[in-house]
């Protein structure tokens, strides 16, 4: 079994917090050393309480799935003896409204295009 970790840090600062007027900006440090700024999606929490320039968790989830899909595809192509010159994916995830019940259903669609020259 492999273990993967991410350290999340959020600081209140001078904001009151109890009136729901606080920044959703936070930081994540990954076990490999990468540090990213994250925030809520600006359409769910308005600016200035969210940061449109930061990555939101939903984007990160879509990117994670797209990255796994690409790595899986590349491994299959390599094992089959196919040479892949490039890979581009414009992944998109859709989250349905949970109807006020705090529940959401995901419907992600990714599209991949890869150059696959075959040899032999």
Protein backbone atom coordinates (compact mmCIF):
# COMPACT_ATOMS: atom_id res chain seq x y z
CA UNK A 1 0.00 0.00 0.00
CA UNK A 2 1.26 3.47 -0.80
CA UNK A 3 0.64 6.53 1.36
CA UNK A 4 0.09 10.00 -0.07
CA UNK A 5 -0.15 13.13 2.01
CA UNK A 6 -1.00 16.79 1.76
CA UNK A 7 -0.76 19.33 4.58
CA UNK A 8 -3.52 21.96 4.56
CA UNK A 9 -3.16 25.29 6.36
CA UNK A 10 -5.75 28.06 6.80
CA UNK A 11 -5.37 31.12 9.03
CA UNK A 12 -8.24 33.36 10.15
CA UNK A 13 -6.18 36.52 10.45
CA UNK A 14 -8.15 39.60 11.57
CA UNK A 15 -11.51 38.46 10.20
CA UNK A 16 -14.43 37.87 12.58
CA UNK A 17 -15.27 34.43 11.20
CA UNK A 18 -18.53 33.92 13.14
CA UNK A 19 -20.41 36.18 10.71
CA UNK A 20 -19.34 33.89 7.80
CA UNK A 21 -17.20 36.70 6.37
CA UNK A 22 -13.79 35.08 6.24
CA UNK A 23 -11.30 34.21 3.55
CA UNK A 24 -11.43 30.71 2.08
CA UNK A 25 -7.83 31.06 0.85
CA UNK A 26 -5.58 28.36 2.19
CA UNK A 27 -2.34 26.56 1.35
CA UNK A 28 -1.54 22.95 0.63
CA UNK A 29 1.93 21.40 0.81
CA UNK A 30 2.34 18.07 -0.93
CA UNK A 31 4.73 15.35 0.24
CA UNK A 32 6.97 15.93 -2.80
CA UNK A 33 7.57 19.58 -1.90
CA UNK A 34 5.05 21.38 -4.14
CA UNK A 35 3.11 24.20 -2.46
CA UNK A 36 -0.17 25.50 -3.91
CA UNK A 37 -2.66 28.22 -3.05
CA UNK A 38 -6.24 26.98 -2.89
CA UNK A 39 -9.58 28.66 -2.32
CA UNK A 40 -13.26 28.04 -2.70
CA UNK A 41 -14.81 28.40 -6.16
CA UNK A 42 -15.65 32.11 -6.64
CA UNK A 43 -19.16 31.26 -7.84
CA UNK A 44 -19.94 29.46 -4.58
CA UNK A 45 -18.27 31.99 -2.26
CA UNK A 46 -17.98 35.54 -3.58
CA UNK A 47 -14.79 37.57 -3.85
CA UNK A 48 -13.09 38.81 -1.62
CA UNK A 49 -13.81 35.74 0.51
CA UNK A 50 -12.54 33.47 -2.27
CA UNK A 51 -9.50 33.94 -4.50
CA UNK A 52 -10.20 33.47 -8.24
CA UNK A 53 -6.47 33.12 -8.97
CA UNK A 54 -6.14 30.10 -6.67
CA UNK A 55 -7.02 26.50 -7.49
CA UNK A 56 -10.34 25.34 -6.09
CA UNK A 57 -10.86 21.78 -4.77
CA UNK A 58 -13.22 20.89 -7.62
CA UNK A 59 -10.59 21.84 -10.23
CA UNK A 60 -8.00 19.85 -8.32
CA UNK A 61 -10.30 16.80 -8.33
CA UNK A 62 -10.83 17.02 -12.11
CA UNK A 63 -7.09 17.48 -12.68
CA UNK A 64 -6.36 14.45 -10.49
CA UNK A 65 -8.71 12.23 -12.48
CA UNK A 66 -7.39 13.53 -15.81
CA UNK A 67 -3.79 12.99 -14.71
CA UNK A 68 -4.52 9.40 -13.61
CA UNK A 69 -6.27 8.74 -16.92
CA UNK A 70 -3.28 10.07 -18.88
CA UNK A 71 -0.74 8.05 -16.89
CA UNK A 72 -2.85 4.90 -17.36
CA UNK A 73 -3.15 5.54 -21.11
CA UNK A 74 0.59 6.15 -21.48
CA UNK A 75 1.44 2.95 -19.61
CA UNK A 76 -0.84 0.91 -21.88
CA UNK A 77 0.65 2.51 -25.01
CA UNK A 78 4.23 1.88 -23.82
CA UNK A 79 3.49 -1.77 -22.98
CA UNK A 80 1.91 -2.21 -26.42
CA UNK A 81 5.07 -0.83 -28.06
CA UNK A 82 3.37 2.34 -29.29
CA UNK A 83 5.26 5.62 -29.20
CA UNK A 84 3.23 8.56 -27.90
CA UNK A 85 4.61 11.96 -28.85
CA UNK A 86 2.15 14.10 -26.92
CA UNK A 87 -1.03 13.99 -24.91
CA UNK A 88 -3.54 16.75 -24.34
CA UNK A 89 -6.75 16.50 -22.34
CA UNK A 90 -9.34 19.20 -21.82
CA UNK A 91 -11.02 17.54 -18.83
CA UNK A 92 -14.24 18.91 -17.45
CA UNK A 93 -16.16 17.97 -14.32
CA UNK A 94 -19.75 18.83 -13.56
CA UNK A 95 -21.23 18.93 -10.11
CA UNK A 96 -24.98 18.69 -9.81
CA UNK A 97 -26.81 20.77 -7.23
CA UNK A 98 -27.57 18.61 -4.22
CA UNK A 99 -30.98 20.22 -3.73
CA UNK A 100 -29.98 21.80 -0.44
CA UNK A 101 -29.19 18.42 1.11
CA UNK A 102 -25.43 18.92 1.03
CA UNK A 103 -25.09 16.20 -1.58
CA UNK A 104 -23.61 16.47 -5.06
CA UNK A 105 -23.29 14.03 -7.91
CA UNK A 106 -20.26 14.20 -10.16
CA UNK A 107 -20.42 13.82 -13.92
CA UNK A 108 -16.92 14.27 -15.38
CA UNK A 109 -16.14 14.03 -19.06
CA UNK A 110 -12.55 14.03 -20.28
CA UNK A 111 -11.43 14.07 -23.88
CA UNK A 112 -7.95 12.91 -24.84
CA UNK A 113 -6.03 13.33 -28.05
CA UNK A 114 -2.72 11.58 -28.49
CA UNK A 115 -0.33 11.06 -31.39
CA UNK A 116 0.31 7.34 -31.68
CA UNK A 117 2.84 6.45 -34.35
CA UNK A 118 3.14 2.68 -34.62
CA UNK A 119 6.47 1.07 -35.46
CA UNK A 120 6.99 -2.39 -36.91
